[in-house]
Amino acid sequence: MRVGVKWTNLSRRLIARRMGELGTPVSRHIVSGLLKKQGYRRRKALKK
């Protein structure tokens, strides 16, 4: 793993849905922009 990279296993759609359930409706496009701005990356499975 690279040092200094933040990871998430959640999809942008799932993050947006959970935020909506908590009372802050937001689109997955906004979530994507926010994650990118904060330096988060989507974790991908390693290929064997």
Protein backbone atom coordinates (compact mmCIF):
# COMPACT_ATOMS: atom_id res chain seq x y z
CA MET A 1 0.00 0.00 0.00
CA ARG A 2 1.15 3.50 -0.74
CA VAL A 3 1.83 5.74 2.23
CA GLY A 4 -0.32 8.84 2.45
CA VAL A 5 -3.19 7.50 0.33
CA LYS A 6 -6.59 7.27 1.99
CA TRP A 7 -8.83 4.37 0.93
CA THR A 8 -12.52 3.58 1.04
CA ASN A 9 -14.32 0.34 0.27
CA LEU A 10 -17.68 2.08 -0.10
CA SER A 11 -19.05 3.06 -3.49
CA ARG A 12 -19.93 6.68 -4.10
CA ARG A 13 -23.56 5.67 -4.56
CA LEU A 14 -23.62 3.94 -1.17
CA ILE A 15 -22.00 6.93 0.55
CA ALA A 16 -24.59 9.25 -1.01
CA ARG A 17 -27.43 6.95 0.07
CA ARG A 18 -26.17 6.76 3.65
CA MET A 19 -25.73 10.53 3.84
CA GLY A 20 -29.32 10.93 2.64
CA GLU A 21 -30.51 8.57 5.38
CA LEU A 22 -28.70 10.76 7.91
CA GLY A 23 -30.52 13.86 6.66
CA THR A 24 -28.04 15.31 4.15
CA PRO A 25 -29.21 14.45 0.63
CA VAL A 26 -26.33 14.57 -1.85
CA SER A 27 -25.66 13.15 -5.31
CA ARG A 28 -22.94 10.59 -6.03
CA HIS A 29 -21.25 13.18 -8.25
CA ILE A 30 -20.86 15.54 -5.30
CA VAL A 31 -19.55 12.66 -3.16
CA SER A 32 -17.02 11.86 -5.88
CA GLY A 33 -15.77 15.45 -5.95
CA LEU A 34 -15.51 15.63 -2.17
CA LEU A 35 -13.59 12.36 -1.93
CA LYS A 36 -11.20 13.45 -4.67
CA LYS A 37 -10.64 16.81 -2.97
CA GLN A 38 -9.82 15.05 0.32
CA GLY A 39 -7.42 12.59 -1.36
CA TYR A 40 -9.49 9.42 -1.06
CA ARG A 41 -9.22 6.58 -3.56
CA ARG A 42 -11.41 3.54 -4.21
CA ARG A 43 -9.74 0.35 -3.04
CA LYS A 44 -9.55 -2.28 -5.79
CA ALA A 45 -8.94 -5.99 -5.43
CA LEU A 46 -5.47 -7.17 -6.42
CA LYS A 47 -5.32 -9.32 -9.52
CA LYS A 48 -3.56 -12.65 -9.16
